[in-house]
Amino acid sequence: MSTANLVILMFLAVPAAAAEAVEPAAVTLVEAVRLALARHPDVEKARAAADGLKGRIREVRAQALPEVAINSYALRARDPSFLNSPSLDKFPEYLLEAINPVGANLFDYSISVKQPLYTAGKVGTALRLASIEAEGSLADIDRVEQELALAVVRAFYDLIWAERYRNLVAETQQQKKRHAEMAQTLYRNGVATEVDVLRSEVNVANGAPDLVRAENAIRQARAALNFYLVRPIDFPTRALGEFEEKPWTEGGLEELAREALRRRPELLRLKIAERSAATKIDLARAESRLKVDFAGAYGIMSRLPSNLFNSRFARWNTAVNFTLPVFDGFKRSGLVWQATAAGRAARLERERAEQQVRLVLQQGLDDLKAAEETIAAARANINQAERVLAMMQNNYKYGAATTLDIVDAQTALSVARTNLLRGLHDYTLARANLRWAAGLTPWE
């Protein structure tokens, strides 16, 4: 390799090394949630919608502000309409021949102003409605962030579970290999039979696919977490954390329900929808009320360009327009009807959502209790399974147990350890789901 190529490779490696230093592979749960909230497209999309509603507020506010325009035109025309008048039939022939329309220029420029003076509260109501919708967009952002945070928590602990489960499978596989080696040694010494050796080797072979599936589960869990962190799918992300085993001290169903009704962003959004519907009713009623507008214009009109700055050719007008709708084809009543129905639908949806929150909280408490019992039972079973496996291994050395006894003991211990790991995983996620259902952060 030439010196020039070596320098180029070193130059290209510097940014890669810097990027690796900026983007650490190992993350804690809080860091993972922070990265997801800062990067994920769903959050940016919700924020973009909120920015759009800010523009809507500005658009509505413009209805109450004056509209100013500069108008100008240049016209050249020939108009023979005078010759088509029936009154010219009484004119002498020689006089009619003297009348010959010719093309003429006309130049005009002006500035016009329009200003609503009275709208029966329509502009103010529309502005209040836009503000309410903007408030709802903030609730939408909170909802997206909470759901994304919960998804990150689940993916984070799924990765921890997959890695711990792979370790359990690998440990079980090592036990199977040690037993196979023991069986071969005892067979050579004439203590064990060939059937014992074959059974132990089959047991080792049957455990190999479990290890492969456990490795695949790690890759899939890491890919899911990388998706929420907006990292490459194969990025070597590592989760730094442990499963939660702290007792639940956040209160019972009623306390959690009160907290959820106060904090859950989707419930806040539905309450905002009710307020929005009530405001739309006021806006619809304003459609048939008196409206007063001011309009004025000032400019100069001249046939010759030299007179465009001569005040003698100035023209101006002012007007106050009064508009009182008499019959609009039932448009107003239709708008009121729609807004009233939307308000009723929003109220019913909020009541349904509140009941659903209570149901989710109750299910969360039940899941938490079930996970606690699973952990306690699994720990007791592990102690017993370890003792049984140790006894079977000692008995096997003296010919008092068979390979089937060893396999059964290994399977029982593996199941007990897997149940404990699954219980710890489920308990941690149950706590996260319960906190999320109460409107709290899904981590502590």
Protein backbone atom coordinates (compact mmCIF):
# COMPACT_ATOMS: atom_id res chain seq x y z
CA MET A 1 0.00 0.00 0.00
CA SER A 2 1.38 3.39 -0.98
CA THR A 3 1.91 6.21 1.49
CA ALA A 4 -0.77 8.31 -0.19
CA ASN A 5 -3.40 5.54 0.15
CA LEU A 6 -2.45 5.03 3.78
CA VAL A 7 -2.93 8.73 4.49
CA ILE A 8 -6.33 8.67 2.77
CA LEU A 9 -7.48 5.67 4.81
CA MET A 10 -6.35 7.32 8.03
CA PHE A 11 -8.21 10.51 7.05
CA LEU A 12 -11.42 8.56 6.37
CA ALA A 13 -11.09 6.62 9.63
CA VAL A 14 -11.04 9.77 11.77
CA PRO A 15 -14.71 10.74 11.17
CA ALA A 16 -15.79 7.16 11.73
CA ALA A 17 -13.94 7.01 15.03
CA ALA A 18 -15.39 10.37 16.05
CA ALA A 19 -18.92 9.19 15.22
CA GLU A 20 -18.40 6.05 17.26
CA ALA A 21 -17.27 8.17 20.21
CA VAL A 22 -20.32 10.45 19.90
CA GLU A 23 -22.72 7.51 19.58
CA PRO A 24 -21.97 5.05 22.40
CA ALA A 25 -23.28 1.54 21.97
CA ALA A 26 -24.22 1.05 25.64
CA VAL A 27 -27.23 3.06 26.83
CA THR A 28 -29.25 3.20 30.01
CA LEU A 29 -33.03 3.25 29.92
CA VAL A 30 -33.22 7.01 30.51
CA GLU A 31 -30.66 7.65 27.77
CA ALA A 32 -32.54 5.39 25.36
CA VAL A 33 -35.82 7.22 25.98
CA ARG A 34 -34.10 10.59 25.57
CA LEU A 35 -32.55 9.55 22.25
CA ALA A 36 -35.87 8.22 20.95
CA LEU A 37 -37.78 11.38 21.89
CA ALA A 38 -35.17 13.54 20.21
CA ARG A 39 -34.97 11.52 16.97
CA HIS A 40 -38.05 9.48 16.21
CA PRO A 41 -40.15 10.68 13.24
CA ASP A 42 -43.46 10.22 15.11
CA VAL A 43 -42.52 12.94 17.59
CA GLU A 44 -41.35 15.26 14.83
CA LYS A 45 -44.59 14.65 12.94
CA ALA A 46 -46.66 15.59 16.00
CA ARG A 47 -44.57 18.72 16.48
CA ALA A 48 -45.01 19.62 12.81
CA ALA A 49 -48.78 19.34 13.25
CA ALA A 50 -48.55 21.70 16.22
CA ASP A 51 -46.56 24.17 14.14
CA GLY A 52 -49.24 23.94 11.45
CA LEU A 53 -51.91 24.93 13.97
CA LYS A 54 -49.81 27.94 14.94
CA GLY A 55 -50.08 29.00 11.32
CA ARG A 56 -53.83 28.41 11.52
CA ILE A 57 -54.03 30.84 14.46
CA ARG A 58 -52.22 33.46 12.43
CA GLU A 59 -54.55 32.84 9.50
CA VAL A 60 -57.64 33.35 11.67
CA ARG A 61 -56.19 36.43 13.32
CA ALA A 62 -55.76 37.96 9.86
CA GLN A 63 -59.55 38.16 9.54
CA ALA A 64 -59.60 40.90 12.20
CA LEU A 65 -56.73 42.91 10.71
CA PRO A 66 -56.95 45.39 7.81
CA GLU A 67 -56.37 44.14 4.29
CA VAL A 68 -54.24 46.57 2.26
CA ALA A 69 -53.59 46.19 -1.46
CA ILE A 70 -51.89 48.21 -4.18
CA ASN A 71 -53.73 48.03 -7.50
CA SER A 72 -52.55 49.23 -10.89
CA TYR A 73 -53.42 48.73 -14.51
CA ALA A 74 -52.72 50.16 -17.97
CA LEU A 75 -55.50 50.00 -20.57
CA ARG A 76 -55.71 50.81 -24.26
CA ALA A 77 -59.13 50.48 -25.87
CA ARG A 78 -61.39 51.70 -28.66
CA ASP A 79 -65.06 51.84 -27.76
CA PRO A 80 -67.67 52.46 -30.54
CA SER A 81 -70.62 52.08 -28.19
CA PHE A 82 -71.48 55.82 -28.60
CA LEU A 83 -72.14 55.27 -32.30
CA ASN A 84 -74.61 52.50 -31.48
CA SER A 85 -76.90 54.84 -29.53
CA PRO A 86 -80.42 55.18 -31.10
CA SER A 87 -80.36 58.91 -30.33
CA LEU A 88 -77.76 59.44 -33.06
CA ASP A 89 -80.38 58.74 -35.73
CA LYS A 90 -81.59 62.36 -35.36
CA PHE A 91 -78.05 63.79 -35.84
CA PRO A 92 -77.15 65.37 -39.19
CA GLU A 93 -75.15 63.13 -41.50
CA TYR A 94 -72.15 65.43 -41.68
CA LEU A 95 -71.96 65.52 -37.87
CA LEU A 96 -72.04 61.75 -37.61
CA GLU A 97 -69.18 61.50 -40.08
CA ALA A 98 -67.13 63.79 -37.84
CA ILE A 99 -67.56 61.47 -34.88
CA ASN A 100 -64.85 58.81 -35.17
CA PRO A 101 -63.92 56.78 -32.04
CA VAL A 102 -60.17 56.32 -31.73
CA GLY A 103 -58.05 54.14 -29.45
CA ALA A 104 -57.09 55.72 -26.15
CA ASN A 105 -54.87 54.89 -23.18
CA LEU A 106 -55.94 54.83 -19.55
CA PHE A 107 -53.54 54.49 -16.65
CA ASP A 108 -54.57 53.88 -13.04
CA TYR A 109 -52.94 53.09 -9.72
CA SER A 110 -54.49 53.08 -6.25
CA ILE A 111 -54.24 51.71 -2.74
CA SER A 112 -57.26 50.03 -1.15
CA VAL A 113 -58.04 49.22 2.47
CA LYS A 114 -60.61 46.81 3.88
CA GLN A 115 -61.28 46.48 7.60
CA PRO A 116 -63.97 44.44 9.40
CA LEU A 117 -65.69 46.68 11.94
CA TYR A 118 -68.16 44.25 13.45
CA THR A 119 -68.44 40.48 12.95
CA ALA A 120 -70.83 39.53 15.77
CA GLY A 121 -67.95 37.75 17.53
CA LYS A 122 -67.18 35.49 14.56
CA VAL A 123 -63.49 36.40 14.34
CA GLY A 124 -62.99 36.21 18.10
CA THR A 125 -64.74 32.84 18.24
CA ALA A 126 -62.67 31.49 15.34
CA LEU A 127 -59.52 32.71 17.06
CA ARG A 128 -60.56 31.01 20.30
CA LEU A 129 -61.29 27.81 18.37
CA ALA A 130 -57.83 27.87 16.75
CA SER A 131 -56.23 28.38 20.17
CA ILE A 132 -58.14 25.40 21.57
CA GLU A 133 -57.00 23.22 18.67
CA ALA A 134 -53.41 24.38 19.23
CA GLU A 135 -53.74 23.34 22.86
CA GLY A 136 -54.97 19.97 21.65
CA SER A 137 -51.90 19.60 19.44
CA LEU A 138 -49.71 19.89 22.55
CA ALA A 139 -51.69 17.04 24.11
CA ASP A 140 -51.09 15.05 20.92
CA ILE A 141 -47.34 15.60 21.29
CA ASP A 142 -47.49 14.38 24.91
CA ARG A 143 -49.44 11.30 23.84
CA VAL A 144 -46.95 10.42 21.10
CA GLU A 145 -44.02 10.93 23.48
CA GLN A 146 -45.60 8.74 26.19
CA GLU A 147 -46.40 5.94 23.74
CA LEU A 148 -42.91 6.13 22.26
CA ALA A 149 -41.36 6.07 25.74
CA LEU A 150 -43.38 2.95 26.63
CA ALA A 151 -42.31 1.26 23.38
CA VAL A 152 -38.65 2.05 24.16
CA VAL A 153 -39.02 0.64 27.69
CA ARG A 154 -40.48 -2.59 26.31
CA ALA A 155 -37.77 -2.92 23.65
CA PHE A 156 -35.06 -2.12 26.22
CA TYR A 157 -36.16 -4.84 28.65
CA ASP A 158 -36.86 -7.27 25.79
CA LEU A 159 -33.19 -6.96 24.84
CA ILE A 160 -32.11 -7.57 28.46
CA TRP A 161 -34.40 -10.61 28.62
CA ALA A 162 -33.07 -12.00 25.33
CA GLU A 163 -29.46 -11.69 26.51
CA ARG A 164 -30.23 -13.27 29.91
CA TYR A 165 -32.19 -16.06 28.26
CA ARG A 166 -29.30 -16.77 25.88
CA ASN A 167 -27.02 -17.09 28.91
CA LEU A 168 -29.46 -19.57 30.53
CA VAL A 169 -29.63 -21.64 27.35
CA ALA A 170 -25.83 -21.60 27.03
CA GLU A 171 -25.43 -22.67 30.67
CA THR A 172 -27.93 -25.49 30.20
CA GLN A 173 -26.09 -26.59 27.07
CA GLN A 174 -22.82 -26.67 28.99
CA GLN A 175 -24.44 -28.87 31.63
CA LYS A 176 -25.59 -31.25 28.90
CA LYS A 177 -22.07 -31.40 27.45
CA ARG A 178 -20.52 -32.07 30.86
CA HIS A 179 -22.98 -34.86 31.45
CA ALA A 180 -22.19 -36.35 28.01
CA GLU A 181 -18.51 -36.30 28.87
CA MET A 182 -19.27 -37.95 32.23
CA ALA A 183 -21.34 -40.64 30.50
CA GLN A 184 -18.53 -41.40 28.07
CA THR A 185 -16.02 -41.64 30.94
CA LEU A 186 -18.29 -43.97 32.92
CA TYR A 187 -18.93 -46.03 29.78
CA ARG A 188 -15.22 -46.50 29.22
CA ASN A 189 -14.90 -47.59 32.86
CA GLY A 190 -17.73 -50.07 32.44
CA VAL A 191 -20.14 -48.27 34.80
CA ALA A 192 -22.53 -46.73 32.22
CA THR A 193 -24.14 -48.29 29.18
CA GLU A 194 -23.88 -47.28 25.56
CA VAL A 195 -27.53 -46.20 25.69
CA ASP A 196 -26.64 -43.62 28.35
CA VAL A 197 -23.91 -42.22 26.10
CA LEU A 198 -26.23 -42.03 23.10
CA ARG A 199 -29.01 -40.37 25.11
CA SER A 200 -26.64 -37.75 26.51
CA GLU A 201 -25.28 -36.99 23.03
CA VAL A 202 -28.81 -36.67 21.62
CA ASN A 203 -29.63 -34.33 24.49
CA VAL A 204 -26.65 -32.14 23.54
CA ALA A 205 -27.69 -32.11 19.87
CA ASN A 206 -31.28 -31.19 20.75
CA GLY A 207 -30.03 -28.18 22.73
CA ALA A 208 -28.08 -26.64 19.83
CA PRO A 209 -31.17 -25.19 18.01
CA ASP A 210 -32.33 -23.57 21.26
CA LEU A 211 -29.03 -21.71 21.43
CA VAL A 212 -29.39 -20.56 17.81
CA ARG A 213 -32.94 -19.33 18.46
CA ALA A 214 -31.75 -17.47 21.54
CA GLU A 215 -29.07 -15.71 19.49
CA ASN A 216 -31.67 -14.77 16.88
CA ALA A 217 -33.92 -13.38 19.62
CA ILE A 218 -31.09 -11.07 20.73
CA ARG A 219 -30.61 -9.76 17.21
CA GLN A 220 -34.33 -9.14 16.79
CA ALA A 221 -34.66 -7.41 20.16
CA ARG A 222 -31.63 -5.23 19.41
CA ALA A 223 -33.04 -4.35 15.98
CA ALA A 224 -36.35 -3.31 17.57
CA LEU A 225 -34.57 -1.07 20.07
CA ASN A 226 -32.42 0.42 17.30
CA PHE A 227 -35.58 1.23 15.36
CA TYR A 228 -36.90 3.40 18.19
CA LEU A 229 -33.48 4.97 18.72
CA VAL A 230 -33.25 5.74 14.97
CA ARG A 231 -30.01 3.81 14.68
CA PRO A 232 -28.94 1.35 11.99
CA ILE A 233 -30.74 -1.94 12.55
CA ASP A 234 -27.44 -3.80 13.06
CA PHE A 235 -25.95 -1.18 15.40
CA PRO A 236 -24.33 -2.99 18.40
CA THR A 237 -26.60 -1.39 21.01
CA ARG A 238 -26.24 -2.73 24.54
CA ALA A 239 -28.81 -2.20 27.28
CA LEU A 240 -27.38 -1.21 30.66
CA GLY A 241 -29.92 -2.05 33.33
CA GLU A 242 -31.58 -4.61 35.56
CA PHE A 243 -35.12 -5.84 35.96
CA GLU A 244 -37.22 -3.99 38.54
CA GLU A 245 -38.13 -5.93 41.70
CA LYS A 246 -39.23 -3.06 43.92
CA PRO A 247 -42.65 -3.41 45.55
CA TRP A 248 -45.47 -1.32 44.08
CA THR A 249 -46.12 1.74 46.25
CA GLU A 250 -47.96 4.04 43.82
CA GLY A 251 -51.43 3.32 45.23
CA GLY A 252 -54.49 1.30 44.35
CA LEU A 253 -57.06 1.48 41.58
CA GLU A 254 -58.92 4.61 42.71
CA GLU A 255 -55.77 6.61 43.36
CA LEU A 256 -54.29 5.59 40.02
CA ALA A 257 -57.57 6.38 38.25
CA ARG A 258 -57.63 9.91 39.67
CA GLU A 259 -54.04 10.40 38.56
CA ALA A 260 -54.81 9.04 35.09
CA LEU A 261 -57.84 11.31 34.60
CA ARG A 262 -55.65 14.25 35.42
CA ARG A 263 -52.58 13.27 33.39
CA ARG A 264 -53.44 11.01 30.45
CA PRO A 265 -52.94 13.13 27.28
CA GLU A 266 -55.61 11.32 25.27
CA LEU A 267 -58.19 12.15 27.96
CA LEU A 268 -57.04 15.75 27.94
CA ARG A 269 -57.37 15.70 24.15
CA LEU A 270 -60.96 14.49 24.37
CA LYS A 271 -61.81 17.20 26.89
CA ILE A 272 -60.32 19.73 24.48
CA ALA A 273 -62.46 18.22 21.71
CA GLU A 274 -65.57 18.91 23.82
CA ARG A 275 -64.51 22.54 24.28
CA SER A 276 -63.79 22.78 20.57
CA ALA A 277 -67.27 21.49 19.69
CA ALA A 278 -68.91 24.03 22.01
CA THR A 279 -66.90 26.82 20.37
CA LYS A 280 -67.91 25.59 16.91
CA ILE A 281 -71.55 26.00 17.93
CA ASP A 282 -70.90 29.66 18.76
CA LEU A 283 -69.05 30.07 15.48
CA ALA A 284 -71.93 28.54 13.51
CA ARG A 285 -74.48 30.83 15.17
CA ALA A 286 -72.43 33.89 14.21
CA GLU A 287 -72.91 33.06 10.52
CA SER A 288 -76.37 34.65 10.38
CA ARG A 289 -75.63 37.82 12.34
CA LEU A 290 -74.94 41.38 11.22
CA LYS A 291 -71.54 42.11 9.71
CA VAL A 292 -70.09 45.60 9.19
CA ASP A 293 -67.05 46.28 6.98
CA PHE A 294 -65.15 49.39 6.00
CA ALA A 295 -63.68 49.77 2.50
CA GLY A 296 -61.71 52.66 1.06
CA ALA A 297 -59.43 53.42 -1.87
CA TYR A 298 -57.27 56.28 -3.11
CA GLY A 299 -55.46 56.56 -6.43
CA ILE A 300 -54.89 58.47 -9.67
CA MET A 301 -56.43 57.77 -13.06
CA SER A 302 -55.24 59.53 -16.18
CA ARG A 303 -55.26 59.12 -19.93
CA LEU A 304 -51.76 60.55 -20.20
CA PRO A 305 -48.76 59.17 -18.25
CA SER A 306 -47.62 62.72 -17.55
CA ASN A 307 -50.65 63.26 -15.31
CA LEU A 308 -50.11 60.21 -13.10
CA PHE A 309 -48.62 62.40 -10.37
CA ASN A 310 -51.11 65.29 -10.79
CA SER A 311 -53.49 65.56 -7.84
CA ARG A 312 -56.23 66.91 -10.13
CA PHE A 313 -56.63 63.37 -11.46
CA ALA A 314 -56.90 61.79 -7.99
CA ARG A 315 -59.88 59.61 -7.20
CA TRP A 316 -60.97 58.18 -3.86
CA ASN A 317 -63.89 56.49 -2.17
CA THR A 318 -64.92 55.29 1.26
CA ALA A 319 -67.76 53.00 2.21
CA VAL A 320 -69.22 51.23 5.18
CA ASN A 321 -70.98 48.01 4.22
CA PHE A 322 -73.73 46.45 6.34
CA THR A 323 -74.58 42.80 5.67
CA LEU A 324 -77.42 41.02 7.44
CA PRO A 325 -78.13 37.50 6.14
CA VAL A 326 -81.85 36.86 5.80
CA PHE A 327 -81.94 33.32 4.41
CA ASP A 328 -78.92 31.09 3.80
CA GLY A 329 -80.64 27.88 2.77
CA PHE A 330 -80.38 26.50 6.33
CA LYS A 331 -76.58 26.60 6.20
CA ARG A 332 -76.35 28.01 9.74
CA SER A 333 -78.68 25.40 11.24
CA GLY A 334 -76.69 22.67 9.49
CA LEU A 335 -73.44 23.93 10.99
CA VAL A 336 -75.00 24.13 14.46
CA TRP A 337 -76.36 20.62 14.06
CA GLN A 338 -72.95 19.26 13.09
CA ALA A 339 -71.18 21.02 15.97
CA THR A 340 -73.76 19.78 18.48
CA ALA A 341 -73.39 16.19 17.25
CA ALA A 342 -69.59 16.50 17.39
CA GLY A 343 -69.80 17.70 20.99
CA ARG A 344 -72.01 14.79 21.98
CA ALA A 345 -69.69 12.32 20.24
CA ALA A 346 -66.65 13.83 22.00
CA ARG A 347 -68.38 13.55 25.39
CA LEU A 348 -69.31 9.90 24.80
CA GLU A 349 -65.80 9.11 23.58
CA ARG A 350 -64.31 10.71 26.69
CA GLU A 351 -66.58 8.68 28.97
CA ARG A 352 -65.66 5.49 27.11
CA ALA A 353 -61.95 6.32 27.34
CA GLU A 354 -62.21 6.97 31.08
CA GLN A 355 -63.83 3.57 31.61
CA GLN A 356 -61.19 1.95 29.43
CA VAL A 357 -58.45 3.57 31.50
CA ARG A 358 -59.97 2.03 34.63
CA LEU A 359 -60.03 -1.35 32.90
CA VAL A 360 -56.37 -1.03 31.84
CA LEU A 361 -55.36 -0.03 35.35
CA GLN A 362 -57.17 -3.02 36.85
CA GLN A 363 -55.53 -5.35 34.35
CA GLY A 364 -52.17 -3.78 35.14
CA LEU A 365 -52.58 -4.37 38.86
CA ASP A 366 -53.59 -7.99 38.17
CA ASP A 367 -50.59 -8.51 35.88
CA LEU A 368 -48.30 -7.05 38.53
CA LYS A 369 -49.69 -9.41 41.17
CA ALA A 370 -49.39 -12.40 38.85
CA ALA A 371 -45.78 -11.54 38.04
CA GLU A 372 -44.96 -11.27 41.75
CA GLU A 373 -46.39 -14.73 42.40
CA THR A 374 -44.54 -16.13 39.38
CA ILE A 375 -41.22 -14.78 40.70
CA ALA A 376 -41.80 -16.22 44.17
CA ALA A 377 -42.80 -19.64 42.81
CA ALA A 378 -39.92 -19.73 40.32
CA ARG A 379 -37.35 -18.96 43.00
CA ALA A 380 -38.67 -21.77 45.18
CA ASN A 381 -38.65 -24.15 42.21
CA ILE A 382 -35.07 -23.20 41.31
CA ASN A 383 -33.81 -24.18 44.76
CA GLN A 384 -35.57 -27.53 44.56
CA ALA A 385 -34.53 -28.16 40.93
CA GLU A 386 -30.88 -27.43 41.71
CA ARG A 387 -30.95 -29.89 44.60
CA VAL A 388 -32.63 -32.55 42.44
CA LEU A 389 -30.06 -32.11 39.65
CA ALA A 390 -27.15 -32.33 42.10
CA MET A 391 -28.62 -35.49 43.63
CA MET A 392 -29.20 -37.08 40.21
CA GLN A 393 -25.64 -36.30 39.13
CA ASN A 394 -24.20 -37.86 42.29
CA ASN A 395 -26.46 -40.89 41.94
CA TYR A 396 -25.48 -41.27 38.30
CA LYS A 397 -21.82 -41.52 39.24
CA TYR A 398 -22.63 -44.60 41.32
CA GLY A 399 -25.12 -46.09 38.88
CA ALA A 400 -28.17 -45.20 40.98
CA ALA A 401 -29.67 -42.91 38.29
CA THR A 402 -30.05 -42.98 34.52
CA THR A 403 -29.44 -40.42 31.82
CA LEU A 404 -33.19 -39.87 31.60
CA ASP A 405 -33.16 -38.83 35.25
CA ILE A 406 -30.40 -36.32 34.51
CA VAL A 407 -32.25 -34.98 31.45
CA ASP A 408 -35.46 -34.56 33.43
CA ALA A 409 -33.61 -32.74 36.21
CA GLN A 410 -31.83 -30.47 33.73
CA THR A 411 -35.11 -29.68 31.99
CA ALA A 412 -36.84 -28.90 35.28
CA LEU A 413 -34.03 -26.54 36.31
CA SER A 414 -34.00 -24.83 32.91
CA VAL A 415 -37.78 -24.31 33.03
CA ALA A 416 -37.59 -22.92 36.57
CA ARG A 417 -34.82 -20.47 35.65
CA THR A 418 -36.67 -19.42 32.50
CA ASN A 419 -39.85 -18.87 34.53
CA LEU A 420 -37.95 -16.67 36.96
CA LEU A 421 -36.44 -14.66 34.13
CA ARG A 422 -39.85 -14.35 32.46
CA GLY A 423 -41.42 -13.34 35.76
CA LEU A 424 -38.83 -10.60 36.33
CA HIS A 425 -39.35 -9.38 32.77
CA ASP A 426 -43.15 -9.40 33.10
CA TYR A 427 -43.02 -7.69 36.49
CA THR A 428 -40.83 -4.90 35.12
CA LEU A 429 -43.07 -4.36 32.11
CA ALA A 430 -46.19 -4.55 34.28
CA ARG A 431 -44.81 -1.72 36.42
CA ALA A 432 -44.02 0.28 33.28
CA ASN A 433 -47.47 -0.34 31.78
CA LEU A 434 -49.17 0.57 35.04
CA ARG A 435 -47.24 3.81 35.37
CA TRP A 436 -47.98 4.63 31.74
CA ALA A 437 -51.70 3.91 32.22
CA ALA A 438 -51.70 6.35 35.17
CA GLY A 439 -50.13 9.07 33.00
CA LEU A 440 -46.71 8.78 34.63
CA THR A 441 -43.38 8.11 32.98
CA PRO A 442 -43.06 4.36 32.26
CA TRP A 443 -39.73 4.28 34.07
CA GLU A 444 -38.59 5.33 37.53
